[in-house]
Amino acid sequence: MPAAWVFFDVDQTLCDFAAMMHRALSASLSEIGSRWPELSGRYRPDDLEAIRDRLADAYGDRPVPLVAVRRQMFAEVLAPVGASAAQIDEITEHYLAIRFAEPVIFDDVRPCLELLQGSYQLGVITNGNSKLDSLGLDHFFAVEFAAEAIGFAKPDPRIFTHAARSVGADPAELIMIGDSYEKDVVAARRAGWRALWLRRDTGPTAAGEIGDLRALPALLPG
């Protein structure tokens, strides 16, 4: 059956989330150091992300309340200086403003979407909070499914089932592309979808893999 819909993951598929996050964490640490000199140089961006990962892991396979967890991360960092709730909120907002201010879109994304637009319906399924409008990509996509809003997070196949029902399509008409084998490929296939694994770092090594999104249109059925 020809594909009617093509869905993408967002973070590390459409945008370089890691680069955007590192930039925002670095700026936040500079702000913290200027306001609380005793904390200057105590943390690196990787340290903050380790705290964030530990807090997020407590949610298991449930959707993570991303902003709340990021605020918890800053609360833990600022605990030694007795920062107020308002000050923690300010640092969190500072991080978020920088995080979304200058999106880093992979070079192969827009050429791919321009080729697909008009031939397929396009959507995204994400566990993150990188919104399409903040990335400047919203005009390419008809639908956006975010785990935190839906209540199911990848690799739970129910998020794919929800998406299929929402667009009124048979799973066999849907294809998912993402950088996570377990969350994007295995989970989508469990829901009856087709899926391609995006491997920018290594390039494709087997069938069902792709190293550059510009090659995607030629690989799509129908």
N, C-alpha and C. Protein backbone atom coordinates (compact mmCIF):
# COMPACT_ATOMS: atom_id res chain seq x y z
N MET A 1 0.84 -1.19 0.00
CA MET A 1 0.00 0.00 0.00
C MET A 1 0.88 1.26 0.00
N PRO A 2 0.61 2.22 -0.89
CA PRO A 2 1.42 3.44 -0.91
C PRO A 2 1.32 4.21 0.41
N ALA A 3 2.37 4.92 0.74
CA ALA A 3 2.36 5.74 1.95
C ALA A 3 1.56 7.01 1.69
N ALA A 4 0.62 7.32 2.61
CA ALA A 4 -0.15 8.56 2.52
C ALA A 4 0.40 9.62 3.44
N TRP A 5 0.97 9.16 4.57
CA TRP A 5 1.51 10.07 5.57
C TRP A 5 2.96 9.71 5.88
N VAL A 6 3.78 10.73 6.05
CA VAL A 6 5.16 10.55 6.49
C VAL A 6 5.33 11.34 7.79
N PHE A 7 5.72 10.62 8.84
CA PHE A 7 5.92 11.24 10.15
C PHE A 7 7.40 11.26 10.50
N PHE A 8 7.78 12.31 11.21
CA PHE A 8 9.16 12.47 11.65
C PHE A 8 9.22 12.64 13.16
N ASP A 9 10.29 12.14 13.75
CA ASP A 9 10.69 12.56 15.08
C ASP A 9 11.19 14.00 14.94
N VAL A 10 11.40 14.70 16.08
CA VAL A 10 11.86 16.09 16.01
C VAL A 10 13.32 16.23 16.46
N ASP A 11 13.56 15.99 17.76
CA ASP A 11 14.90 16.22 18.31
C ASP A 11 15.92 15.22 17.75
N GLN A 12 17.00 15.72 17.22
CA GLN A 12 18.07 14.97 16.56
C GLN A 12 17.64 14.34 15.23
N THR A 13 16.42 14.64 14.81
CA THR A 13 15.97 14.23 13.48
C THR A 13 15.77 15.45 12.60
N LEU A 14 14.94 16.38 13.07
CA LEU A 14 14.76 17.65 12.35
C LEU A 14 15.70 18.73 12.86
N CYS A 15 15.87 18.78 14.18
CA CYS A 15 16.72 19.82 14.77
C CYS A 15 17.82 19.19 15.62
N ASP A 16 18.92 19.94 15.75
CA ASP A 16 20.04 19.49 16.57
C ASP A 16 19.78 19.91 18.01
N PHE A 17 18.93 19.14 18.67
CA PHE A 17 18.54 19.43 20.05
C PHE A 17 19.75 19.49 20.96
N ALA A 18 20.71 18.59 20.77
CA ALA A 18 21.88 18.55 21.65
C ALA A 18 22.64 19.87 21.60
N ALA A 19 22.81 20.43 20.40
CA ALA A 19 23.52 21.70 20.27
C ALA A 19 22.73 22.84 20.89
N MET A 20 21.42 22.85 20.66
CA MET A 20 20.57 23.90 21.21
C MET A 20 20.55 23.84 22.74
N MET A 21 20.47 22.64 23.27
CA MET A 21 20.46 22.48 24.73
C MET A 21 21.78 22.89 25.34
N HIS A 22 22.89 22.49 24.73
CA HIS A 22 24.21 22.82 25.27
C HIS A 22 24.41 24.33 25.30
N ARG A 23 23.99 25.01 24.25
CA ARG A 23 24.09 26.46 24.20
C ARG A 23 23.28 27.11 25.32
N ALA A 24 22.06 26.63 25.52
CA ALA A 24 21.20 27.21 26.55
C ALA A 24 21.71 26.91 27.96
N LEU A 25 22.23 25.71 28.17
CA LEU A 25 22.78 25.37 29.48
C LEU A 25 24.02 26.20 29.78
N SER A 26 24.87 26.39 28.79
CA SER A 26 26.08 27.20 28.98
C SER A 26 25.71 28.63 29.35
N ALA A 27 24.73 29.19 28.66
CA ALA A 27 24.30 30.55 28.96
C ALA A 27 23.66 30.63 30.34
N SER A 28 22.92 29.61 30.72
CA SER A 28 22.29 29.59 32.04
C SER A 28 23.33 29.51 33.14
N LEU A 29 24.36 28.71 32.92
CA LEU A 29 25.43 28.62 33.92
C LEU A 29 26.18 29.94 34.05
N SER A 30 26.35 30.65 32.95
CA SER A 30 26.97 31.97 33.02
C SER A 30 26.11 32.93 33.83
N GLU A 31 24.81 32.87 33.60
CA GLU A 31 23.88 33.72 34.36
C GLU A 31 23.91 33.36 35.84
N ILE A 32 23.92 32.08 36.15
CA ILE A 32 23.99 31.64 37.55
C ILE A 32 25.28 32.13 38.18
N GLY A 33 26.39 31.99 37.48
CA GLY A 33 27.68 32.42 38.02
C GLY A 33 27.75 33.91 38.28
N SER A 34 27.07 34.70 37.43
CA SER A 34 27.09 36.15 37.62
C SER A 34 26.21 36.57 38.79
N ARG A 35 25.14 35.82 39.04
CA ARG A 35 24.24 36.17 40.13
C ARG A 35 24.65 35.55 41.46
N TRP A 36 25.28 34.38 41.38
CA TRP A 36 25.74 33.70 42.59
C TRP A 36 27.19 33.29 42.36
N PRO A 37 28.14 34.17 42.60
CA PRO A 37 29.56 33.89 42.29
C PRO A 37 30.09 32.63 42.94
N GLU A 38 29.53 32.25 44.08
CA GLU A 38 30.00 31.05 44.75
C GLU A 38 29.71 29.77 43.94
N LEU A 39 28.80 29.87 42.97
CA LEU A 39 28.50 28.72 42.11
C LEU A 39 29.26 28.77 40.79
N SER A 40 29.98 29.83 40.55
CA SER A 40 30.71 29.98 39.29
C SER A 40 31.73 28.87 39.11
N GLY A 41 31.65 28.17 37.99
CA GLY A 41 32.59 27.10 37.69
C GLY A 41 32.32 25.78 38.37
N ARG A 42 31.26 25.73 39.19
CA ARG A 42 30.98 24.48 39.91
C ARG A 42 30.39 23.42 38.98
N TYR A 43 29.62 23.84 37.99
CA TYR A 43 28.94 22.90 37.11
C TYR A 43 29.33 23.15 35.65
N ARG A 44 29.28 22.08 34.87
CA ARG A 44 29.40 22.14 33.42
C ARG A 44 28.04 21.78 32.82
N PRO A 45 27.81 22.09 31.56
CA PRO A 45 26.54 21.69 30.94
C PRO A 45 26.26 20.20 31.09
N ASP A 46 27.27 19.36 30.95
CA ASP A 46 27.06 17.92 31.09
C ASP A 46 26.59 17.54 32.48
N ASP A 47 27.04 18.28 33.50
CA ASP A 47 26.60 18.00 34.87
C ASP A 47 25.11 18.29 35.02
N LEU A 48 24.67 19.39 34.45
CA LEU A 48 23.26 19.73 34.54
C LEU A 48 22.41 18.72 33.79
N GLU A 49 22.90 18.28 32.65
CA GLU A 49 22.12 17.31 31.89
C GLU A 49 22.05 15.97 32.62
N ALA A 50 23.08 15.60 33.34
CA ALA A 50 23.04 14.37 34.14
C ALA A 50 21.99 14.48 35.24
N ILE A 51 21.87 15.65 35.84
CA ILE A 51 20.82 15.87 36.85
C ILE A 51 19.45 15.76 36.20
N ARG A 52 19.31 16.40 35.04
CA ARG A 52 18.04 16.35 34.33
C ARG A 52 17.66 14.91 33.97
N ASP A 53 18.62 14.13 33.48
CA ASP A 53 18.35 12.75 33.10
C ASP A 53 17.92 11.92 34.30
N ARG A 54 18.57 12.14 35.43
CA ARG A 54 18.20 11.41 36.65
C ARG A 54 16.77 11.73 37.06
N LEU A 55 16.39 12.99 37.00
CA LEU A 55 15.04 13.39 37.36
C LEU A 55 14.02 12.83 36.36
N ALA A 56 14.36 12.87 35.08
CA ALA A 56 13.45 12.37 34.05
C ALA A 56 13.28 10.86 34.11
N ASP A 57 14.35 10.15 34.48
CA ASP A 57 14.30 8.69 34.55
C ASP A 57 13.27 8.21 35.56
N ALA A 58 12.95 9.03 36.54
CA ALA A 58 11.97 8.65 37.55
C ALA A 58 10.58 8.44 36.95
N TYR A 59 10.35 8.97 35.76
CA TYR A 59 9.04 8.84 35.11
C TYR A 59 8.92 7.56 34.29
N GLY A 60 10.01 6.81 34.15
CA GLY A 60 9.94 5.56 33.40
C GLY A 60 9.52 5.82 31.97
N ASP A 61 8.52 5.05 31.50
CA ASP A 61 8.03 5.19 30.14
C ASP A 61 6.91 6.22 30.02
N ARG A 62 6.56 6.87 31.13
CA ARG A 62 5.51 7.88 31.08
C ARG A 62 6.05 9.16 30.45
N PRO A 63 5.17 9.98 29.87
CA PRO A 63 5.64 11.27 29.35
C PRO A 63 6.27 12.11 30.46
N VAL A 64 7.36 12.76 30.15
CA VAL A 64 8.08 13.58 31.13
C VAL A 64 7.57 15.02 31.04
N PRO A 65 7.18 15.63 32.17
CA PRO A 65 6.83 17.06 32.15
C PRO A 65 8.11 17.88 32.02
N LEU A 66 8.46 18.20 30.81
CA LEU A 66 9.82 18.65 30.50
C LEU A 66 10.21 19.96 31.17
N VAL A 67 9.33 20.94 31.15
CA VAL A 67 9.67 22.22 31.78
C VAL A 67 9.77 22.05 33.29
N ALA A 68 8.86 21.28 33.87
CA ALA A 68 8.89 21.06 35.32
C ALA A 68 10.18 20.35 35.73
N VAL A 69 10.61 19.37 34.95
CA VAL A 69 11.85 18.67 35.26
C VAL A 69 13.05 19.59 35.11
N ARG A 70 13.04 20.43 34.08
CA ARG A 70 14.14 21.38 33.92
C ARG A 70 14.18 22.35 35.10
N ARG A 71 13.01 22.75 35.60
CA ARG A 71 12.98 23.64 36.76
C ARG A 71 13.52 22.91 38.00
N GLN A 72 13.15 21.64 38.15
CA GLN A 72 13.69 20.85 39.26
C GLN A 72 15.22 20.79 39.20
N MET A 73 15.74 20.67 37.99
CA MET A 73 17.19 20.63 37.80
C MET A 73 17.83 21.91 38.33
N PHE A 74 17.28 23.05 37.94
CA PHE A 74 17.83 24.32 38.41
C PHE A 74 17.62 24.50 39.91
N ALA A 75 16.50 24.00 40.43
CA ALA A 75 16.27 24.09 41.88
C ALA A 75 17.35 23.34 42.64
N GLU A 76 17.75 22.18 42.13
CA GLU A 76 18.80 21.39 42.77
C GLU A 76 20.14 22.12 42.70
N VAL A 77 20.43 22.71 41.55
CA VAL A 77 21.69 23.43 41.38
C VAL A 77 21.76 24.64 42.31
N LEU A 78 20.63 25.32 42.48
CA LEU A 78 20.60 26.56 43.25
C LEU A 78 20.30 26.35 44.73
N ALA A 79 20.04 25.11 45.13
CA ALA A 79 19.73 24.84 46.54
C ALA A 79 20.81 25.33 47.50
N PRO A 80 22.11 25.16 47.21
CA PRO A 80 23.14 25.59 48.16
C PRO A 80 23.15 27.09 48.46
N VAL A 81 22.58 27.90 47.56
CA VAL A 81 22.57 29.35 47.79
C VAL A 81 21.21 29.83 48.27
N GLY A 82 20.29 28.90 48.50
CA GLY A 82 18.98 29.27 49.03
C GLY A 82 18.17 30.13 48.09
N ALA A 83 18.26 29.86 46.80
CA ALA A 83 17.50 30.65 45.83
C ALA A 83 16.00 30.52 46.07
N SER A 84 15.29 31.61 45.87
CA SER A 84 13.85 31.61 46.05
C SER A 84 13.16 30.94 44.87
N ALA A 85 11.87 30.63 45.04
CA ALA A 85 11.11 30.04 43.94
C ALA A 85 11.09 30.99 42.74
N ALA A 86 10.97 32.28 43.01
CA ALA A 86 10.95 33.25 41.91
C ALA A 86 12.28 33.27 41.17
N GLN A 87 13.38 33.16 41.89
CA GLN A 87 14.70 33.14 41.25
C GLN A 87 14.90 31.88 40.42
N ILE A 88 14.41 30.76 40.92
CA ILE A 88 14.49 29.51 40.15
C ILE A 88 13.67 29.63 38.87
N ASP A 89 12.49 30.24 38.99
CA ASP A 89 11.66 30.46 37.80
C ASP A 89 12.38 31.35 36.78
N GLU A 90 13.06 32.38 37.27
CA GLU A 90 13.77 33.29 36.37
C GLU A 90 14.87 32.56 35.59
N ILE A 91 15.62 31.71 36.28
CA ILE A 91 16.69 30.97 35.61
C ILE A 91 16.11 29.97 34.62
N THR A 92 15.01 29.34 34.99
CA THR A 92 14.35 28.40 34.08
C THR A 92 13.87 29.11 32.83
N GLU A 93 13.24 30.27 33.00
CA GLU A 93 12.77 31.04 31.85
C GLU A 93 13.94 31.53 30.99
N HIS A 94 15.04 31.87 31.64
CA HIS A 94 16.25 32.28 30.91
C HIS A 94 16.73 31.14 30.02
N TYR A 95 16.77 29.94 30.58
CA TYR A 95 17.17 28.77 29.80
C TYR A 95 16.23 28.55 28.61
N LEU A 96 14.92 28.57 28.87
CA LEU A 96 13.95 28.28 27.82
C LEU A 96 14.00 29.32 26.70
N ALA A 97 14.19 30.58 27.07
CA ALA A 97 14.25 31.64 26.06
C ALA A 97 15.42 31.41 25.11
N ILE A 98 16.56 31.02 25.65
CA ILE A 98 17.73 30.78 24.80
C ILE A 98 17.58 29.47 24.03
N ARG A 99 17.03 28.48 24.68
CA ARG A 99 16.84 27.16 24.07
C ARG A 99 16.04 27.26 22.77
N PHE A 100 15.00 28.10 22.77
CA PHE A 100 14.13 28.20 21.60
C PHE A 100 14.45 29.39 20.70
N ALA A 101 15.43 30.21 21.09
CA ALA A 101 15.68 31.46 20.37
C ALA A 101 16.27 31.25 18.98
N GLU A 102 17.24 30.37 18.86
CA GLU A 102 17.94 30.18 17.59
C GLU A 102 17.99 28.69 17.26
N PRO A 103 16.94 28.18 16.62
CA PRO A 103 16.91 26.75 16.32
C PRO A 103 18.02 26.34 15.37
N VAL A 104 18.54 25.14 15.59
CA VAL A 104 19.58 24.58 14.72
C VAL A 104 18.94 23.44 13.92
N ILE A 105 18.66 23.71 12.67
CA ILE A 105 18.00 22.73 11.80
C ILE A 105 19.07 22.03 10.96
N PHE A 106 19.00 20.72 10.89
CA PHE A 106 19.97 19.98 10.08
C PHE A 106 19.84 20.37 8.60
N ASP A 107 20.96 20.37 7.89
CA ASP A 107 21.01 20.86 6.51
C ASP A 107 20.12 20.07 5.56
N ASP A 108 19.88 18.80 5.87
CA ASP A 108 19.11 17.96 4.95
C ASP A 108 17.60 18.06 5.16
N VAL A 109 17.17 18.80 6.17
CA VAL A 109 15.75 18.78 6.55
C VAL A 109 14.88 19.55 5.56
N ARG A 110 15.16 20.81 5.33
CA ARG A 110 14.29 21.60 4.46
C ARG A 110 14.27 21.07 3.02
N PRO A 111 15.42 20.68 2.44
CA PRO A 111 15.34 20.10 1.09
C PRO A 111 14.45 18.86 1.03
N CYS A 112 14.52 18.03 2.07
CA CYS A 112 13.68 16.84 2.11
C CYS A 112 12.20 17.21 2.19
N LEU A 113 11.87 18.10 3.11
CA LEU A 113 10.47 18.47 3.30
C LEU A 113 9.90 19.16 2.07
N GLU A 114 10.71 19.96 1.40
CA GLU A 114 10.25 20.63 0.18
C GLU A 114 9.94 19.62 -0.92
N LEU A 115 10.72 18.54 -0.98
CA LEU A 115 10.47 17.50 -1.98
C LEU A 115 9.22 16.69 -1.66
N LEU A 116 8.98 16.48 -0.37
CA LEU A 116 7.84 15.65 0.04
C LEU A 116 6.53 16.42 0.02
N GLN A 117 6.61 17.72 0.30
CA GLN A 117 5.40 18.53 0.39
C GLN A 117 4.65 18.50 -0.93
N GLY A 118 3.37 18.24 -0.84
CA GLY A 118 2.55 18.15 -2.05
C GLY A 118 2.29 16.74 -2.49
N SER A 119 3.22 15.83 -2.16
CA SER A 119 3.03 14.42 -2.51
C SER A 119 2.54 13.59 -1.33
N TYR A 120 2.87 14.03 -0.12
CA TYR A 120 2.50 13.31 1.09
C TYR A 120 1.99 14.30 2.13
N GLN A 121 1.17 13.79 3.02
CA GLN A 121 0.83 14.53 4.24
C GLN A 121 1.97 14.31 5.22
N LEU A 122 2.37 15.36 5.92
CA LEU A 122 3.51 15.28 6.83
C LEU A 122 3.08 15.57 8.26
N GLY A 123 3.70 14.83 9.20
CA GLY A 123 3.42 15.04 10.61
C GLY A 123 4.64 14.74 11.44
N VAL A 124 4.56 15.06 12.73
CA VAL A 124 5.64 14.72 13.66
C VAL A 124 5.06 14.02 14.88
N ILE A 125 5.87 13.15 15.46
CA ILE A 125 5.57 12.49 16.73
C ILE A 125 6.81 12.65 17.59
N THR A 126 6.67 13.31 18.73
CA THR A 126 7.84 13.65 19.53
C THR A 126 7.60 13.45 21.02
N ASN A 127 8.65 13.06 21.73
CA ASN A 127 8.63 13.04 23.19
C ASN A 127 9.11 14.37 23.76
N GLY A 128 9.60 15.25 22.90
CA GLY A 128 10.21 16.49 23.36
C GLY A 128 9.25 17.67 23.32
N ASN A 129 9.83 18.86 23.51
CA ASN A 129 9.02 20.08 23.46
C ASN A 129 9.59 21.10 22.49
N SER A 130 10.28 20.62 21.46
CA SER A 130 10.73 21.49 20.38
C SER A 130 9.57 21.67 19.41
N LYS A 131 8.87 22.78 19.52
CA LYS A 131 7.67 23.01 18.73
C LYS A 131 8.02 23.41 17.30
N LEU A 132 7.19 22.97 16.38
CA LEU A 132 7.46 23.22 14.97
C LEU A 132 7.48 24.70 14.64
N ASP A 133 6.61 25.50 15.30
CA ASP A 133 6.61 26.93 14.99
C ASP A 133 7.88 27.59 15.46
N SER A 134 8.41 27.15 16.61
CA SER A 134 9.66 27.73 17.11
C SER A 134 10.84 27.33 16.24
N LEU A 135 10.71 26.22 15.52
CA LEU A 135 11.77 25.77 14.61
C LEU A 135 11.63 26.37 13.21
N GLY A 136 10.52 27.04 12.96
CA GLY A 136 10.29 27.60 11.64
C GLY A 136 9.93 26.55 10.60
N LEU A 137 9.38 25.43 11.07
CA LEU A 137 9.05 24.32 10.16
C LEU A 137 7.56 24.02 10.12
N ASP A 138 6.76 24.76 10.85
CA ASP A 138 5.35 24.42 11.01
C ASP A 138 4.59 24.42 9.68
N HIS A 139 5.02 25.23 8.71
CA HIS A 139 4.29 25.31 7.45
C HIS A 139 4.41 24.04 6.61
N PHE A 140 5.34 23.17 6.97
CA PHE A 140 5.48 21.91 6.23
C PHE A 140 4.51 20.83 6.74
N PHE A 141 4.03 20.97 7.97
CA PHE A 141 3.38 19.85 8.64
C PHE A 141 1.89 20.09 8.90
N ALA A 142 1.12 19.01 8.72
CA ALA A 142 -0.32 19.08 8.97
C ALA A 142 -0.67 18.81 10.42
N VAL A 143 0.11 17.95 11.09
CA VAL A 143 -0.21 17.56 12.46
C VAL A 143 1.07 17.42 13.27
N GLU A 144 0.93 17.59 14.58
CA GLU A 144 2.04 17.47 15.51
C GLU A 144 1.53 16.75 16.76
N PHE A 145 2.11 15.61 17.08
CA PHE A 145 1.71 14.84 18.25
C PHE A 145 2.86 14.84 19.26
N ALA A 146 2.61 15.40 20.44
CA ALA A 146 3.61 15.48 21.50
C ALA A 146 3.20 14.58 22.66
N ALA A 147 4.14 13.79 23.14
CA ALA A 147 3.84 12.81 24.18
C ALA A 147 3.22 13.43 25.42
N GLU A 148 3.75 14.57 25.84
CA GLU A 148 3.27 15.19 27.08
C GLU A 148 1.79 15.57 26.97
N ALA A 149 1.34 15.96 25.78
CA ALA A 149 -0.05 16.34 25.58
C ALA A 149 -0.96 15.13 25.42
N ILE A 150 -0.44 14.06 24.82
CA ILE A 150 -1.25 12.89 24.51
C ILE A 150 -1.37 11.94 25.70
N GLY A 151 -0.29 11.81 26.47
CA GLY A 151 -0.31 10.90 27.61
C GLY A 151 0.43 9.60 27.38
N PHE A 152 0.93 9.39 26.17
CA PHE A 152 1.75 8.23 25.85
C PHE A 152 3.07 8.72 25.27
N ALA A 153 4.16 8.08 25.66
CA ALA A 153 5.48 8.48 25.16
C ALA A 153 6.11 7.32 24.40
N LYS A 154 6.81 7.64 23.33
CA LYS A 154 7.60 6.61 22.66
C LYS A 154 8.60 6.01 23.65
N PRO A 155 8.77 4.71 23.69
CA PRO A 155 8.42 3.70 22.69
C PRO A 155 7.06 3.02 22.88
N ASP A 156 6.16 3.60 23.65
CA ASP A 156 4.82 3.02 23.78
C ASP A 156 4.13 3.11 22.42
N PRO A 157 3.77 1.98 21.82
CA PRO A 157 3.17 2.03 20.48
C PRO A 157 1.82 2.73 20.45
N ARG A 158 1.23 2.97 21.63
CA ARG A 158 -0.07 3.63 21.65
C ARG A 158 -0.02 5.05 21.10
N ILE A 159 1.14 5.69 21.20
CA ILE A 159 1.23 7.04 20.63
C ILE A 159 1.11 6.99 19.11
N PHE A 160 1.60 5.91 18.50
CA PHE A 160 1.47 5.74 17.05
C PHE A 160 0.04 5.36 16.68
N THR A 161 -0.58 4.52 17.50
CA THR A 161 -1.98 4.16 17.27
C THR A 161 -2.87 5.40 17.37
N HIS A 162 -2.59 6.24 18.36
CA HIS A 162 -3.34 7.48 18.53
C HIS A 162 -3.18 8.37 17.29
N ALA A 163 -1.97 8.49 16.79
CA ALA A 163 -1.72 9.33 15.62
C ALA A 163 -2.47 8.79 14.40
N ALA A 164 -2.43 7.47 14.20
CA ALA A 164 -3.11 6.87 13.06
C ALA A 164 -4.61 7.12 13.11
N ARG A 165 -5.19 6.95 14.28
CA ARG A 165 -6.63 7.19 14.42
C ARG A 165 -6.97 8.66 14.21
N SER A 166 -6.11 9.52 14.71
CA SER A 166 -6.37 10.96 14.61
C SER A 166 -6.38 11.45 13.17
N VAL A 167 -5.53 10.87 12.33
CA VAL A 167 -5.49 11.30 10.92
C VAL A 167 -6.37 10.43 10.04
N GLY A 168 -7.01 9.41 10.63
CA GLY A 168 -7.92 8.56 9.89
C GLY A 168 -7.26 7.71 8.83
N ALA A 169 -6.06 7.22 9.15
CA ALA A 169 -5.31 6.43 8.17
C ALA A 169 -5.06 5.02 8.68
N ASP A 170 -4.96 4.08 7.76
CA ASP A 170 -4.56 2.73 8.10
C ASP A 170 -3.07 2.74 8.44
N PRO A 171 -2.63 1.99 9.47
CA PRO A 171 -1.20 1.97 9.80
C PRO A 171 -0.30 1.65 8.61
N ALA A 172 -0.79 0.84 7.68
CA ALA A 172 0.03 0.47 6.52
C ALA A 172 0.28 1.65 5.59
N GLU A 173 -0.49 2.73 5.76
CA GLU A 173 -0.30 3.94 4.94
C GLU A 173 0.68 4.92 5.58
N LEU A 174 1.21 4.57 6.75
CA LEU A 174 2.01 5.50 7.54
C LEU A 174 3.45 5.03 7.63
N ILE A 175 4.36 5.99 7.60
CA ILE A 175 5.78 5.66 7.75
C ILE A 175 6.40 6.66 8.71
N MET A 176 7.29 6.16 9.57
CA MET A 176 7.95 6.97 10.60
C MET A 176 9.45 7.02 10.32
N ILE A 177 10.03 8.21 10.49
CA ILE A 177 11.48 8.38 10.34
C ILE A 177 12.01 9.02 11.61
N GLY A 178 13.03 8.42 12.22
CA GLY A 178 13.61 9.00 13.42
C GLY A 178 14.99 8.45 13.72
N ASP A 179 15.67 9.10 14.66
CA ASP A 179 17.06 8.74 14.97
C ASP A 179 17.17 7.67 16.04
N SER A 180 16.07 7.35 16.73
CA SER A 180 16.12 6.33 17.79
C SER A 180 15.54 5.02 17.27
N TYR A 181 16.36 3.98 17.29
CA TYR A 181 15.89 2.69 16.79
C TYR A 181 14.73 2.16 17.64
N GLU A 182 14.87 2.21 18.95
CA GLU A 182 13.84 1.66 19.83
C GLU A 182 12.58 2.52 19.83
N LYS A 183 12.75 3.83 19.96
CA LYS A 183 11.59 4.71 20.13
C LYS A 183 10.88 5.02 18.83
N ASP A 184 11.61 5.13 17.76
CA ASP A 184 11.00 5.53 16.49
C ASP A 184 10.73 4.36 15.55
N VAL A 185 11.66 3.43 15.48
CA VAL A 185 11.55 2.35 14.49
C VAL A 185 10.80 1.15 15.06
N VAL A 186 11.32 0.58 16.14
CA VAL A 186 10.69 -0.61 16.72
C VAL A 186 9.27 -0.30 17.17
N ALA A 187 9.08 0.81 17.86
CA ALA A 187 7.75 1.15 18.38
C ALA A 187 6.76 1.37 17.25
N ALA A 188 7.17 2.06 16.20
CA ALA A 188 6.27 2.29 15.07
C ALA A 188 5.88 0.98 14.40
N ARG A 189 6.85 0.10 14.22
CA ARG A 189 6.56 -1.18 13.58
C ARG A 189 5.63 -2.03 14.44
N ARG A 190 5.77 -1.92 15.74
CA ARG A 190 4.85 -2.65 16.64
C ARG A 190 3.41 -2.18 16.46
N ALA A 191 3.25 -0.93 16.04
CA ALA A 191 1.91 -0.39 15.81
C ALA A 191 1.43 -0.63 14.38
N GLY A 192 2.21 -1.37 13.60
CA GLY A 192 1.81 -1.70 12.24
C GLY A 192 2.28 -0.73 11.18
N TRP A 193 3.12 0.23 11.57
CA TRP A 193 3.65 1.20 10.63
C TRP A 193 4.90 0.66 9.94
N ARG A 194 5.27 1.30 8.85
CA ARG A 194 6.62 1.15 8.32
C ARG A 194 7.51 2.21 8.96
N ALA A 195 8.81 1.97 8.99
CA ALA A 195 9.71 2.91 9.65
C ALA A 195 11.10 2.85 9.03
N LEU A 196 11.77 3.98 9.05
CA LEU A 196 13.16 4.09 8.61
C LEU A 196 13.99 4.68 9.75
N TRP A 197 15.15 4.12 9.95
CA TRP A 197 16.06 4.58 11.00
C TRP A 197 17.05 5.58 10.41
N LEU A 198 17.03 6.80 10.92
CA LEU A 198 17.94 7.84 10.46
C LEU A 198 19.27 7.73 11.21
N ARG A 199 20.34 7.51 10.48
CA ARG A 199 21.67 7.32 11.08
C ARG A 199 22.66 8.29 10.43
N ARG A 200 22.58 9.54 10.83
CA ARG A 200 23.46 10.55 10.24
C ARG A 200 24.93 10.30 10.57
N ASP A 201 25.21 9.82 11.77
CA ASP A 201 26.60 9.67 12.21
C ASP A 201 27.33 8.54 11.48
N THR A 202 26.65 7.43 11.29
CA THR A 202 27.30 6.25 10.72
C THR A 202 26.94 6.02 9.26
N GLY A 203 25.81 6.58 8.84
CA GLY A 203 25.30 6.25 7.52
C GLY A 203 24.57 4.92 7.57
N PRO A 204 23.78 4.61 6.55
CA PRO A 204 23.03 3.36 6.55
C PRO A 204 23.94 2.15 6.43
N THR A 205 23.65 1.12 7.21
CA THR A 205 24.42 -0.12 7.15
C THR A 205 23.55 -1.32 6.80
N ALA A 206 22.24 -1.10 6.70
CA ALA A 206 21.32 -2.20 6.39
C ALA A 206 20.06 -1.62 5.77
N ALA A 207 19.22 -2.50 5.26
CA ALA A 207 17.94 -2.07 4.72
C ALA A 207 17.12 -1.44 5.84
N GLY A 208 16.32 -0.45 5.49
CA GLY A 208 15.50 0.22 6.49
C GLY A 208 16.23 1.33 7.22
N GLU A 209 17.42 1.71 6.72
CA GLU A 209 18.21 2.78 7.32
C GLU A 209 18.51 3.85 6.29
N ILE A 210 18.72 5.06 6.77
CA ILE A 210 19.01 6.19 5.89
C ILE A 210 20.01 7.10 6.59
N GLY A 211 20.94 7.65 5.83
CA GLY A 211 21.97 8.50 6.43
C GLY A 211 21.75 9.98 6.19
N ASP A 212 20.87 10.33 5.25
CA ASP A 212 20.63 11.73 4.90
C ASP A 212 19.18 11.84 4.44
N LEU A 213 18.45 12.79 5.00
CA LEU A 213 17.03 12.91 4.67
C LEU A 213 16.79 13.28 3.21
N ARG A 214 17.78 13.84 2.55
CA ARG A 214 17.60 14.17 1.13
C ARG A 214 17.41 12.93 0.27
N ALA A 215 17.82 11.77 0.81
CA ALA A 215 17.63 10.51 0.08
C ALA A 215 16.25 9.90 0.33
N LEU A 216 15.50 10.48 1.26
CA LEU A 216 14.23 9.87 1.67
C LEU A 216 13.19 9.80 0.55
N PRO A 217 12.93 10.85 -0.21
CA PRO A 217 11.87 10.76 -1.22
C PRO A 217 12.01 9.58 -2.17
N ALA A 218 13.23 9.24 -2.54
CA ALA A 218 13.44 8.12 -3.46
C ALA A 218 13.18 6.77 -2.81
N LEU A 219 13.17 6.73 -1.48
CA LEU A 219 12.97 5.47 -0.77
C LEU A 219 11.52 5.21 -0.41
N LEU A 220 10.68 6.22 -0.52
CA LEU A 220 9.30 6.07 -0.08
C LEU A 220 8.49 5.28 -1.10
N PRO A 221 7.66 4.36 -0.62
CA PRO A 221 6.81 3.58 -1.53
C PRO A 221 5.69 4.43 -2.11
N GLY A 222 5.30 4.06 -3.28
CA GLY A 222 4.12 4.67 -3.88
C GLY A 222 4.36 6.06 -4.39
